[in-house]
Amino acid sequence: MGWFSKNKNKYRRHGGEGGGGASWKRRGCMFLGVGVAFVVLLCLGLKAFGAYGPHKLPNEVHSDPDALWPIKSGQFVNLYKGDFVLVEELPPEEGALAAAEPGEAESSEAGEGEPAAQAKKNCRPFYLSGWNAWDISRAGRIFPRNHKTVDNMTGRKALQKQFDRAASLGLNVVRAWAHTVDPMYPVMKSPGKYDEDGLRAIDLLLHEAGKRGIRVILSFVDNWKYRGGVDEMVDLSETAPERLYARPGDEDGDFDQLSLNETRKEYEVQRHALFFTDEGAKAIYKTHVETLLTRKNTYSGVLYRNDPTVLAWNLINEARCESWVVDNCEASLQSWVEEMSLFVKSLDPNHLVTVGSEGFFAREDYPGAREEDKVSDLFAVDEVNPASWAAQTGQDFLANHRLEGIDFATVHLWPDTWNQSSEAFQERWINAHVEVAGSKLAKPLIVQEFGKKEAPDAQNSTERDRVYQMVNGLVEESVAGRGDLKGSLFWNWEMDLLVGAKEDPYTLRDTDDTWDLIQSHALKMHNLSKSQVYSCDDFELHPLY
């Protein structure tokens, strides 16, 4: 605005009215001003749509330039030859020097009739070191006037405090929910109808994370909780059958199965599975996805699908379709993952997509199982899964992640929930997924959730530390050897915000010495990343970049 106003003043007519010359100058000035405005607007428009000049990787810093993992505008986390990478286009002179042999010089200008030299690019591996935080997507809605908070702190301040500490520890990724997490603060009120405050809270989460160089994995829907979950979308569907029974009461957000007889349990399991086949439920899900991907952040002004702060999308958190009750569960879930992953990609080609599952291996004789999706040549499924029930959850780790719309694989580890306290099992579970990811998927793998319960009165975190050391050790060994396991996110780090809130036994407290392990691991990941930068001149930007 300053440039245009200054030039407009430069050409303003001075002196009295009248005079043919003055009139001509005034008209000429008007045409010139309109022309300049048109050119400026045209250039801005072409730039916005990616049609202004050659496609280049931008270098404008999106985050604090002093951040350990700075986020540059338009610099998305990409995949290249099995790595998560940050790609940077080198200036012509640097590219020429990088391409030349020692003692040689290389001209950056092509001769007459010769094709222009290919732009030189560097790929820096991006190793994920972070945490899960289910509660941060509501933080922007918490105020001392409506809640009793620690030190009368606002949710925004608590969010900033957590992100500041995360950045100081060297963490670079947080996984959160892009849906309702608290019935008091809905995001989607009804199909296609949203609470603007709920969306603004997710805006805030992305904005504050981005400023500190922390990228975000967002999950579209939850398998477990009713609000913001699978069962709510089925109940809201116009094509799903009406409920025969009232929704069971919730216990900490999950419905209380202990009060149900076997008939009611099977009914709820069957109704839950409708999410993957019912057209109305799928339409609600797609509307939710589109609402988020096309939303403009009210703090940054950036569309979610254009925001490099977003690392990836989870289609669903821990999908379940119980094949011991519902026929063709594996096929239904596989079809849903394929349809929804391609739908997300059609709206957002910039970001990575994964399923979001625990990574259970399916029994190999289920209806529709394909020969190429079997893992029996590597190991016996029953020897790797945590228990026999795991093969009947509808998940098929290999088939689900082989799909074209899925960019990387995930595995979760829950020693307490699965009654698998043996470190030997835990290592075998992760290593089996690493083997499949490398030999059959050719895609990177992350441990997206892992945690260990700790009693509130525990004097130390020895048992938890063993699990963290084991997971971190496997990741560090893989990264150092350029293996297929590329990172991990621990569960859970809740904000210290609401007075009297029930504490998750998995969450880390400020006084836990486990933080020393987390910081040491994060800094190792950062240093390994810096030391492994390599040339990737043949990396191609997506045509819709």
Protein backbone atom coordinates (compact mmCIF):
# COMPACT_ATOMS: atom_id res chain seq x y z
CA MET A 1 0.00 0.00 0.00
CA GLY A 2 2.85 2.41 0.80
CA TRP A 3 4.49 1.93 -2.61
CA PHE A 4 1.25 2.44 -4.52
CA SER A 5 0.21 5.52 -2.51
CA LYS A 6 3.64 7.07 -2.90
CA ASN A 7 3.59 6.68 -6.67
CA LYS A 8 0.02 7.90 -6.87
CA ASN A 9 1.11 11.14 -5.16
CA LYS A 10 4.01 11.46 -7.57
CA TYR A 11 1.65 11.67 -10.53
CA ARG A 12 -1.03 13.87 -8.86
CA ARG A 13 -1.79 17.05 -10.91
CA HIS A 14 -0.65 20.31 -9.27
CA GLY A 15 -1.95 23.89 -9.92
CA GLY A 16 -5.39 25.22 -10.82
CA GLU A 17 -8.23 23.58 -12.71
CA GLY A 18 -8.64 23.84 -16.48
CA GLY A 19 -6.28 23.67 -19.42
CA GLY A 20 -6.30 20.98 -22.09
CA GLY A 21 -2.80 19.83 -21.18
CA ALA A 22 -3.70 19.39 -17.54
CA SER A 23 -6.81 17.47 -18.48
CA TRP A 24 -4.81 15.20 -20.79
CA LYS A 25 -2.24 14.62 -18.07
CA ARG A 26 -4.98 13.81 -15.59
CA ARG A 27 -6.55 11.28 -17.96
CA GLY A 28 -3.13 9.84 -18.79
CA CYS A 29 -2.38 9.57 -15.11
CA MET A 30 -5.65 7.76 -14.50
CA PHE A 31 -4.90 5.23 -17.23
CA LEU A 32 -1.36 4.79 -15.94
CA GLY A 33 -2.61 4.27 -12.38
CA VAL A 34 -5.17 1.70 -13.50
CA GLY A 35 -2.51 -0.06 -15.55
CA VAL A 36 -0.07 -0.22 -12.66
CA ALA A 37 -2.80 -1.52 -10.35
CA PHE A 38 -3.77 -4.17 -12.90
CA VAL A 39 -0.19 -5.36 -13.31
CA VAL A 40 0.34 -5.53 -9.53
CA LEU A 41 -2.87 -7.46 -8.98
CA LEU A 42 -2.12 -9.78 -11.90
CA CYS A 43 1.35 -10.58 -10.55
CA LEU A 44 0.01 -11.22 -7.09
CA GLY A 45 -2.70 -13.43 -8.47
CA LEU A 46 -0.30 -15.44 -10.60
CA LYS A 47 2.03 -15.84 -7.65
CA ALA A 48 -0.80 -17.03 -5.42
CA PHE A 49 -1.78 -19.69 -7.95
CA GLY A 50 1.79 -20.81 -8.53
CA ALA A 51 1.99 -19.50 -12.12
CA TYR A 52 4.47 -16.68 -11.62
CA GLY A 53 7.86 -17.64 -12.92
CA PRO A 54 9.53 -21.05 -12.39
CA HIS A 55 8.51 -23.19 -9.42
CA LYS A 56 11.05 -22.69 -6.66
CA LEU A 57 11.29 -23.83 -3.09
CA PRO A 58 10.61 -20.73 -0.99
CA ASN A 59 13.03 -19.61 1.68
CA GLU A 60 10.88 -17.22 3.71
CA VAL A 61 10.98 -18.32 7.34
CA HIS A 62 7.54 -19.27 8.59
CA SER A 63 8.68 -19.79 12.19
CA ASP A 64 11.13 -18.13 14.56
CA PRO A 65 14.41 -18.14 12.58
CA ASP A 66 16.23 -19.21 15.75
CA ALA A 67 14.08 -22.33 16.13
CA LEU A 68 16.03 -25.60 16.17
CA TRP A 69 13.81 -26.90 13.36
CA PRO A 70 12.72 -23.71 11.52
CA ILE A 71 9.70 -23.97 9.24
CA LYS A 72 10.01 -22.12 5.95
CA SER A 73 6.93 -20.98 4.06
CA GLY A 74 5.99 -23.65 1.56
CA GLN A 75 8.60 -26.12 2.81
CA PHE A 76 6.51 -29.20 3.49
CA VAL A 77 7.90 -32.44 4.85
CA ASN A 78 8.18 -34.69 1.79
CA LEU A 79 9.26 -38.24 1.02
CA TYR A 80 12.36 -39.04 -0.98
CA LYS A 81 13.76 -42.54 -1.39
CA GLY A 82 12.26 -43.75 1.87
CA ASP A 83 13.18 -40.68 3.94
CA PHE A 84 11.10 -37.91 5.41
CA VAL A 85 12.93 -34.88 4.02
CA LEU A 86 13.07 -31.12 3.97
CA VAL A 87 14.08 -30.07 0.46
CA GLU A 88 15.97 -26.87 -0.19
CA GLU A 89 16.83 -25.46 -3.60
CA LEU A 90 20.33 -24.07 -3.68
CA PRO A 91 21.19 -20.65 -5.13
CA PRO A 92 22.76 -21.05 -8.61
CA GLU A 93 26.31 -20.35 -7.43
CA GLU A 94 26.04 -22.86 -4.55
CA GLY A 95 24.46 -25.43 -6.82
CA ALA A 96 27.27 -25.04 -9.34
CA LEU A 97 29.91 -25.50 -6.65
CA ALA A 98 28.07 -28.47 -5.16
CA ALA A 99 27.90 -30.16 -8.57
CA ALA A 100 31.51 -29.53 -9.58
CA GLU A 101 34.33 -31.91 -8.83
CA PRO A 102 37.09 -30.61 -6.54
CA GLY A 103 39.36 -28.27 -8.48
CA GLU A 104 36.83 -27.82 -11.31
CA ALA A 105 34.46 -25.00 -12.11
CA GLU A 106 31.00 -25.41 -13.58
CA SER A 107 29.17 -22.76 -15.53
CA SER A 108 25.64 -22.11 -14.35
CA GLU A 109 24.65 -20.83 -17.78
CA ALA A 110 23.63 -23.16 -20.58
CA GLY A 111 25.16 -22.63 -24.01
CA GLU A 112 23.09 -21.72 -27.02
CA GLY A 113 20.79 -24.57 -27.95
CA GLU A 114 21.60 -26.46 -24.74
CA PRO A 115 18.99 -27.19 -22.05
CA ALA A 116 19.24 -25.15 -18.87
CA ALA A 117 21.06 -26.89 -16.02
CA GLN A 118 18.83 -28.69 -13.54
CA ALA A 119 18.33 -26.83 -10.28
CA LYS A 120 20.46 -28.20 -7.46
CA LYS A 121 18.66 -29.38 -4.33
CA ASN A 122 19.64 -30.67 -0.93
CA CYS A 123 17.56 -33.09 1.12
CA ARG A 124 17.83 -32.95 4.88
CA PRO A 125 16.35 -36.01 6.61
CA PHE A 126 13.55 -35.10 9.00
CA TYR A 127 13.49 -37.42 11.99
CA LEU A 128 10.38 -37.23 14.14
CA SER A 129 10.90 -36.64 17.83
CA GLY A 130 7.75 -35.57 19.61
CA TRP A 131 4.69 -36.24 21.67
CA ASN A 132 0.92 -36.79 21.67
CA ALA A 133 -1.35 -34.21 23.28
CA TRP A 134 -5.08 -34.88 23.05
CA ASP A 135 -6.08 -31.77 25.05
CA ILE A 136 -4.28 -28.99 23.18
CA SER A 137 -6.90 -28.64 20.45
CA ARG A 138 -9.33 -27.17 22.99
CA ALA A 139 -6.75 -24.97 24.76
CA GLY A 140 -7.79 -21.76 23.06
CA ARG A 141 -11.24 -22.04 24.64
CA ILE A 142 -10.15 -22.31 28.27
CA PHE A 143 -10.34 -19.12 30.36
CA PRO A 144 -10.22 -18.50 34.15
CA ARG A 145 -13.72 -17.04 33.92
CA ASN A 146 -15.21 -20.42 32.98
CA HIS A 147 -12.75 -22.80 34.64
CA LYS A 148 -10.60 -22.89 37.73
CA THR A 149 -7.14 -22.87 36.20
CA VAL A 150 -3.63 -23.11 37.61
CA ASP A 151 -2.41 -19.59 38.46
CA ASN A 152 -5.48 -18.20 36.64
CA MET A 153 -3.77 -19.10 33.41
CA THR A 154 -5.58 -19.01 30.06
CA GLY A 155 -5.50 -22.02 27.78
CA ARG A 156 -3.55 -20.01 25.23
CA LYS A 157 -0.85 -19.23 27.78
CA ALA A 158 -0.66 -22.89 28.81
CA LEU A 159 -0.33 -23.90 25.17
CA GLN A 160 2.45 -21.40 24.60
CA LYS A 161 4.19 -22.61 27.75
CA GLN A 162 4.10 -26.22 26.58
CA PHE A 163 5.34 -25.35 23.09
CA ASP A 164 8.13 -23.16 24.49
CA ARG A 165 9.39 -26.03 26.59
CA ALA A 166 9.01 -28.53 23.74
CA ALA A 167 11.10 -26.31 21.47
CA SER A 168 13.76 -25.93 24.17
CA LEU A 169 13.94 -29.72 24.47
CA GLY A 170 14.46 -30.09 20.72
CA LEU A 171 11.10 -31.73 19.97
CA ASN A 172 9.81 -31.14 16.45
CA VAL A 173 6.39 -32.85 16.17
CA VAL A 174 3.16 -32.96 18.15
CA ARG A 175 0.18 -35.16 17.31
CA ALA A 176 -3.25 -33.77 18.13
CA TRP A 177 -6.96 -34.15 17.32
CA ALA A 178 -8.77 -32.07 14.68
CA HIS A 179 -12.20 -32.79 16.14
CA THR A 180 -14.18 -32.47 19.36
CA VAL A 181 -12.24 -33.74 22.39
CA ASP A 182 -14.50 -32.31 25.10
CA PRO A 183 -18.33 -32.34 24.88
CA MET A 184 -18.33 -28.91 26.56
CA TYR A 185 -16.44 -27.51 23.58
CA PRO A 186 -17.68 -29.06 20.33
CA VAL A 187 -15.97 -28.55 16.99
CA MET A 188 -18.62 -30.11 14.75
CA LYS A 189 -22.08 -29.37 16.15
CA SER A 190 -23.96 -31.29 13.44
CA PRO A 191 -23.11 -32.44 9.91
CA GLY A 192 -21.67 -29.44 8.09
CA LYS A 193 -22.29 -27.10 11.06
CA TYR A 194 -19.29 -26.02 13.10
CA ASP A 195 -18.60 -24.06 16.23
CA GLU A 196 -16.30 -21.27 15.04
CA ASP A 197 -14.63 -21.10 18.47
CA GLY A 198 -13.76 -24.77 18.15
CA LEU A 199 -12.13 -24.23 14.77
CA ARG A 200 -10.32 -21.13 16.02
CA ALA A 201 -8.83 -23.23 18.82
CA ILE A 202 -7.30 -25.55 16.19
CA ASP A 203 -6.15 -22.42 14.31
CA LEU A 204 -4.36 -21.32 17.47
CA LEU A 205 -2.72 -24.69 17.96
CA LEU A 206 -1.26 -24.61 14.44
CA HIS A 207 -0.22 -20.96 14.70
CA GLU A 208 1.61 -21.31 18.01
CA ALA A 209 3.28 -24.58 16.99
CA GLY A 210 4.45 -23.12 13.68
CA LYS A 211 6.05 -20.11 15.31
CA ARG A 212 8.31 -22.43 17.32
CA GLY A 213 9.29 -24.78 14.52
CA ILE A 214 7.02 -27.58 15.76
CA ARG A 215 5.12 -29.48 13.09
CA VAL A 216 1.73 -31.07 13.72
CA ILE A 217 0.13 -34.39 12.84
CA LEU A 218 -3.66 -34.01 12.99
CA SER A 219 -6.18 -36.86 13.20
CA PHE A 220 -9.57 -36.32 11.56
CA VAL A 221 -11.70 -38.62 13.76
CA ASP A 222 -11.38 -40.88 16.79
CA ASN A 223 -12.29 -44.54 17.05
CA TRP A 224 -12.86 -44.44 20.81
CA LYS A 225 -14.56 -41.31 22.09
CA TYR A 226 -18.17 -40.64 21.15
CA ARG A 227 -17.93 -36.86 20.62
CA GLY A 228 -15.73 -36.28 17.62
CA GLY A 229 -15.71 -40.00 16.96
CA VAL A 230 -16.91 -42.77 14.72
CA ASP A 231 -20.10 -43.58 16.66
CA GLU A 232 -21.28 -39.97 16.66
CA MET A 233 -20.95 -39.77 12.87
CA VAL A 234 -22.93 -43.01 12.47
CA ASP A 235 -25.69 -41.70 14.75
CA LEU A 236 -25.81 -38.45 12.76
CA SER A 237 -26.06 -40.26 9.41
CA GLU A 238 -29.39 -40.08 7.59
CA THR A 239 -28.75 -43.42 5.89
CA ALA A 240 -27.78 -45.45 8.98
CA PRO A 241 -30.53 -47.41 10.76
CA GLU A 242 -32.16 -45.78 13.76
CA ARG A 243 -30.74 -46.86 17.08
CA LEU A 244 -32.53 -49.77 18.75
CA TYR A 245 -30.99 -48.95 22.12
CA ALA A 246 -29.91 -45.74 23.77
CA ARG A 247 -26.25 -44.91 23.57
CA PRO A 248 -24.47 -46.51 26.57
CA GLY A 249 -23.20 -44.18 29.26
CA ASP A 250 -19.64 -42.91 28.83
CA GLU A 251 -16.77 -43.62 31.18
CA ASP A 252 -14.04 -41.07 30.60
CA GLY A 253 -15.39 -40.63 27.08
CA ASP A 254 -15.44 -44.33 26.10
CA PHE A 255 -18.73 -46.13 26.55
CA ASP A 256 -18.93 -48.36 29.60
CA GLN A 257 -18.93 -51.97 28.32
CA LEU A 258 -19.05 -53.48 31.80
CA SER A 259 -22.73 -52.60 32.16
CA LEU A 260 -23.68 -54.30 28.86
CA ASN A 261 -24.71 -57.88 28.23
CA GLU A 262 -23.32 -59.78 25.24
CA THR A 263 -26.28 -58.89 23.02
CA ARG A 264 -25.80 -55.17 23.62
CA LYS A 265 -22.04 -55.42 23.15
CA GLU A 266 -22.44 -57.09 19.78
CA TYR A 267 -25.03 -54.52 18.75
CA GLU A 268 -22.65 -51.64 19.53
CA VAL A 269 -19.79 -53.37 17.70
CA GLN A 270 -21.94 -53.93 14.61
CA ARG A 271 -23.23 -50.36 14.64
CA HIS A 272 -19.69 -49.05 15.05
CA ALA A 273 -18.62 -50.95 11.92
CA LEU A 274 -21.25 -49.11 9.84
CA PHE A 275 -18.92 -46.13 9.82
CA PHE A 276 -16.79 -47.81 7.15
CA THR A 277 -19.67 -48.70 4.80
CA ASP A 278 -22.61 -46.36 5.45
CA GLU A 279 -22.80 -43.66 2.76
CA GLY A 280 -24.22 -41.03 5.12
CA ALA A 281 -21.43 -41.52 7.65
CA LYS A 282 -18.83 -41.35 4.89
CA ALA A 283 -20.36 -38.12 3.59
CA ILE A 284 -20.20 -36.55 7.07
CA TYR A 285 -16.56 -37.58 7.36
CA LYS A 286 -15.71 -36.13 3.95
CA THR A 287 -17.43 -32.84 4.80
CA HIS A 288 -15.41 -32.66 8.00
CA VAL A 289 -12.17 -33.31 6.11
CA GLU A 290 -12.98 -30.70 3.47
CA THR A 291 -13.94 -28.14 6.13
CA LEU A 292 -10.50 -28.47 7.69
CA LEU A 293 -8.39 -28.66 4.54
CA THR A 294 -9.99 -25.58 3.00
CA ARG A 295 -10.08 -23.54 6.20
CA LYS A 296 -8.08 -20.31 6.40
CA ASN A 297 -6.31 -19.98 9.73
CA THR A 298 -7.63 -16.86 11.48
CA TYR A 299 -4.22 -16.19 13.06
CA SER A 300 -1.84 -16.87 10.16
CA GLY A 301 -4.15 -16.34 7.19
CA VAL A 302 -2.88 -19.61 5.64
CA LEU A 303 -5.17 -22.39 4.40
CA TYR A 304 -4.62 -25.61 6.32
CA ARG A 305 -3.77 -27.46 3.10
CA ASN A 306 -1.09 -24.84 2.33
CA ASP A 307 0.41 -24.70 5.82
CA PRO A 308 3.84 -26.35 6.20
CA THR A 309 3.22 -26.52 9.96
CA VAL A 310 1.03 -29.54 9.22
CA LEU A 311 3.30 -32.55 8.79
CA ALA A 312 0.64 -35.15 8.05
CA TRP A 313 -2.97 -36.22 8.40
CA ASN A 314 -4.21 -39.32 10.24
CA LEU A 315 -7.38 -40.63 8.60
CA ILE A 316 -8.55 -42.01 11.94
CA ASN A 317 -7.09 -42.74 15.34
CA GLU A 318 -6.84 -46.52 15.84
CA ALA A 319 -9.57 -47.78 13.51
CA ARG A 320 -11.43 -50.88 14.66
CA CYS A 321 -13.90 -53.14 12.85
CA GLU A 322 -14.27 -56.31 14.90
CA SER A 323 -14.19 -59.25 12.47
CA TRP A 324 -15.19 -61.71 15.19
CA VAL A 325 -18.67 -60.13 15.04
CA VAL A 326 -18.91 -58.34 11.68
CA ASP A 327 -18.43 -60.09 8.33
CA ASN A 328 -15.89 -58.74 5.82
CA CYS A 329 -14.45 -56.25 8.29
CA GLU A 330 -10.96 -56.31 6.83
CA ALA A 331 -12.28 -55.65 3.31
CA SER A 332 -14.58 -52.86 4.53
CA LEU A 333 -11.81 -51.09 6.41
CA GLN A 334 -9.38 -51.51 3.51
CA SER A 335 -11.90 -50.04 1.06
CA TRP A 336 -12.56 -47.11 3.40
CA VAL A 337 -8.85 -46.35 3.84
CA GLU A 338 -8.34 -46.41 0.08
CA GLU A 339 -11.32 -44.14 -0.62
CA MET A 340 -10.56 -41.61 2.12
CA SER A 341 -6.81 -41.41 1.54
CA LEU A 342 -7.39 -40.57 -2.14
CA PHE A 343 -10.11 -38.08 -1.16
CA VAL A 344 -7.69 -36.25 1.15
CA LYS A 345 -4.99 -36.26 -1.53
CA SER A 346 -7.43 -34.83 -4.10
CA LEU A 347 -7.96 -31.78 -1.86
CA ASP A 348 -4.48 -31.52 -0.39
CA PRO A 349 -1.52 -32.75 -2.45
CA ASN A 350 0.95 -30.93 -0.18
CA HIS A 351 0.77 -33.06 2.94
CA LEU A 352 1.53 -36.65 3.85
CA VAL A 353 -1.27 -39.04 4.80
CA THR A 354 -1.28 -42.18 6.95
CA VAL A 355 -3.94 -44.39 8.49
CA GLY A 356 -3.29 -43.79 12.20
CA SER A 357 -3.57 -47.41 13.34
CA GLU A 358 -1.81 -49.50 15.96
CA GLY A 359 -0.41 -51.78 13.27
CA PHE A 360 -2.03 -55.15 14.02
CA PHE A 361 -1.32 -57.97 11.59
CA ALA A 362 -4.44 -59.70 10.24
CA ARG A 363 -5.05 -63.44 10.00
CA GLU A 364 -4.07 -64.43 6.51
CA ASP A 365 -7.22 -66.38 5.60
CA TYR A 366 -9.75 -63.55 5.91
CA PRO A 367 -12.15 -63.08 2.96
CA GLY A 368 -10.45 -60.97 0.29
CA ALA A 369 -6.91 -61.42 1.65
CA ARG A 370 -4.29 -61.11 -1.08
CA GLU A 371 -1.21 -63.26 -1.42
CA GLU A 372 1.07 -60.20 -1.67
CA ASP A 373 -0.24 -58.92 1.68
CA LYS A 374 0.88 -61.97 3.65
CA VAL A 375 3.79 -61.77 6.08
CA SER A 376 4.15 -65.48 6.86
CA ASP A 377 7.41 -65.58 4.89
CA LEU A 378 8.85 -63.23 7.55
CA PHE A 379 7.20 -64.38 10.79
CA ALA A 380 4.09 -65.98 12.27
CA VAL A 381 1.38 -63.40 12.98
CA ASP A 382 0.44 -64.99 16.32
CA GLU A 383 4.05 -64.71 17.49
CA VAL A 384 4.16 -60.96 16.84
CA ASN A 385 0.68 -59.62 17.67
CA PRO A 386 0.08 -58.86 21.36
CA ALA A 387 -2.75 -61.44 21.57
CA SER A 388 -5.10 -63.46 19.33
CA TRP A 389 -7.76 -60.71 19.39
CA ALA A 390 -5.40 -58.33 17.57
CA ALA A 391 -5.77 -60.26 14.30
CA GLN A 392 -9.55 -59.70 14.43
CA THR A 393 -9.68 -55.90 14.70
CA GLY A 394 -10.16 -55.35 10.96
CA GLN A 395 -6.64 -53.96 10.62
CA ASP A 396 -4.13 -55.44 8.18
CA PHE A 397 -0.88 -53.53 8.65
CA LEU A 398 0.64 -54.51 5.32
CA ALA A 399 -2.49 -54.14 3.15
CA ASN A 400 -3.63 -50.88 4.80
CA HIS A 401 -0.27 -49.17 4.31
CA ARG A 402 0.47 -50.53 0.84
CA LEU A 403 -2.22 -48.29 -0.69
CA GLU A 404 -1.22 -45.51 -3.08
CA GLY A 405 -2.76 -42.75 -0.93
CA ILE A 406 -0.83 -43.78 2.20
CA ASP A 407 2.63 -42.25 2.45
CA PHE A 408 4.10 -43.81 5.58
CA ALA A 409 3.35 -46.45 8.18
CA THR A 410 2.70 -46.21 11.91
CA VAL A 411 2.83 -48.58 14.85
CA HIS A 412 1.61 -48.03 18.42
CA LEU A 413 2.94 -49.72 21.56
CA TRP A 414 0.84 -50.20 24.71
CA PRO A 415 2.55 -52.58 27.18
CA ASP A 416 -0.05 -52.03 29.96
CA THR A 417 -3.21 -52.15 27.85
CA TRP A 418 -2.04 -55.28 26.05
CA ASN A 419 -0.60 -56.94 29.18
CA GLN A 420 2.76 -57.18 27.47
CA SER A 421 5.36 -55.94 29.94
CA SER A 422 8.15 -58.01 28.40
CA GLU A 423 10.82 -55.90 26.75
CA ALA A 424 11.49 -58.82 24.41
CA PHE A 425 7.91 -58.60 23.09
CA GLN A 426 8.08 -54.83 22.74
CA GLU A 427 11.27 -54.97 20.69
CA ARG A 428 9.95 -57.83 18.56
CA TRP A 429 6.70 -55.92 17.92
CA ILE A 430 8.50 -52.81 16.65
CA ASN A 431 11.19 -54.71 14.72
CA ALA A 432 8.57 -56.79 12.90
CA HIS A 433 6.99 -53.58 11.58
CA VAL A 434 10.39 -52.20 10.61
CA GLU A 435 11.04 -55.39 8.62
CA VAL A 436 7.69 -55.18 6.79
CA ALA A 437 8.05 -51.44 6.15
CA GLY A 438 11.46 -51.96 4.55
CA SER A 439 11.06 -55.24 2.67
CA LYS A 440 7.43 -55.07 1.54
CA LEU A 441 6.23 -51.47 1.75
CA ALA A 442 9.35 -49.45 0.95
CA LYS A 443 7.88 -46.71 3.12
CA PRO A 444 9.17 -45.07 6.32
CA LEU A 445 7.78 -46.11 9.70
CA ILE A 446 7.28 -44.22 12.97
CA VAL A 447 6.26 -45.33 16.45
CA GLN A 448 3.35 -42.90 16.58
CA GLU A 449 2.21 -43.74 20.12
CA PHE A 450 4.04 -45.40 22.97
CA GLY A 451 3.57 -45.01 26.70
CA LYS A 452 3.85 -46.57 30.13
CA LYS A 453 1.54 -46.09 33.07
CA GLU A 454 2.87 -44.63 36.25
CA ALA A 455 1.12 -44.51 39.61
CA PRO A 456 0.45 -40.96 40.93
CA ASP A 457 2.46 -41.72 44.07
CA ALA A 458 5.42 -43.29 42.24
CA GLN A 459 8.72 -42.14 43.71
CA ASN A 460 10.57 -42.48 40.39
CA SER A 461 9.90 -43.28 36.74
CA THR A 462 12.17 -46.31 36.41
CA GLU A 463 9.62 -48.57 34.68
CA ARG A 464 8.53 -45.85 32.30
CA ASP A 465 12.13 -44.92 31.56
CA ARG A 466 12.89 -48.50 30.48
CA VAL A 467 10.19 -48.32 27.80
CA TYR A 468 11.32 -44.89 26.62
CA GLN A 469 14.97 -46.01 26.50
CA MET A 470 14.04 -49.11 24.51
CA VAL A 471 11.98 -47.21 21.91
CA ASN A 472 14.45 -44.35 21.64
CA GLY A 473 17.33 -46.79 21.31
CA LEU A 474 15.68 -48.62 18.41
CA VAL A 475 14.97 -45.32 16.66
CA GLU A 476 18.50 -44.00 17.17
CA GLU A 477 20.06 -47.23 15.90
CA SER A 478 17.84 -47.16 12.81
CA VAL A 479 18.46 -43.49 12.06
CA ALA A 480 22.22 -43.82 12.47
CA GLY A 481 22.20 -46.72 10.02
CA ARG A 482 19.74 -45.03 7.63
CA GLY A 483 17.11 -47.66 8.42
CA ASP A 484 13.34 -47.54 7.95
CA LEU A 485 12.33 -46.51 11.49
CA LYS A 486 12.36 -42.70 11.38
CA GLY A 487 11.00 -41.42 14.68
CA SER A 488 8.69 -41.72 17.68
CA LEU A 489 6.03 -39.78 19.58
CA PHE A 490 5.48 -40.54 23.26
CA TRP A 491 2.08 -40.61 24.97
CA ASN A 492 1.18 -38.33 26.69
CA TRP A 493 1.95 -34.75 27.69
CA GLU A 494 -1.05 -32.93 29.09
CA MET A 495 -1.11 -29.22 29.83
CA ASP A 496 -0.92 -28.34 33.50
CA LEU A 497 -4.00 -26.14 33.29
CA LEU A 498 -7.26 -27.25 34.93
CA VAL A 499 -7.35 -27.46 38.71
CA GLY A 500 -8.70 -30.82 39.89
CA ALA A 501 -8.63 -32.47 36.45
CA LYS A 502 -8.24 -36.23 36.43
CA GLU A 503 -4.67 -37.05 35.49
CA ASP A 504 -3.86 -39.51 32.75
CA PRO A 505 -1.53 -42.14 34.28
CA TYR A 506 0.54 -41.98 31.10
CA THR A 507 1.16 -38.24 31.11
CA LEU A 508 4.54 -36.83 32.03
CA ARG A 509 4.72 -34.44 34.97
CA ASP A 510 7.11 -31.52 35.17
CA THR A 511 9.16 -33.20 37.88
CA ASP A 512 9.69 -36.52 36.05
CA ASP A 513 13.30 -37.33 35.23
CA THR A 514 12.09 -38.95 31.99
CA TRP A 515 12.48 -35.49 30.44
CA ASP A 516 16.25 -35.96 30.48
CA LEU A 517 15.85 -39.00 28.22
CA ILE A 518 13.50 -37.10 25.93
CA GLN A 519 15.84 -34.14 25.52
CA SER A 520 18.91 -36.31 24.96
CA HIS A 521 17.07 -38.32 22.31
CA ALA A 522 15.67 -35.23 20.54
CA LEU A 523 19.10 -33.62 20.28
CA LYS A 524 20.60 -36.83 18.89
CA MET A 525 17.90 -36.86 16.21
CA HIS A 526 18.63 -33.24 15.35
CA ASN A 527 22.37 -33.78 15.11
CA LEU A 528 21.97 -36.91 12.99
CA SER A 529 19.68 -34.99 10.67
CA LYS A 530 22.21 -32.17 10.24
CA SER A 531 25.02 -34.62 9.53
CA GLN A 532 23.11 -36.56 6.87
CA VAL A 533 22.17 -33.82 4.37
CA TYR A 534 22.56 -35.11 0.82
CA SER A 535 22.03 -34.02 -2.78
CA CYS A 536 18.61 -34.78 -4.29
CA ASP A 537 18.63 -32.90 -7.59
CA ASP A 538 16.05 -35.23 -9.12
CA PHE A 539 13.45 -34.46 -6.46
CA GLU A 540 10.35 -33.16 -8.21
CA LEU A 541 7.85 -30.80 -6.64
CA HIS A 542 4.22 -31.82 -6.88
CA PRO A 543 2.63 -30.13 -9.92
CA LEU A 544 0.05 -28.48 -7.67
CA TYR A 545 2.68 -27.14 -5.26
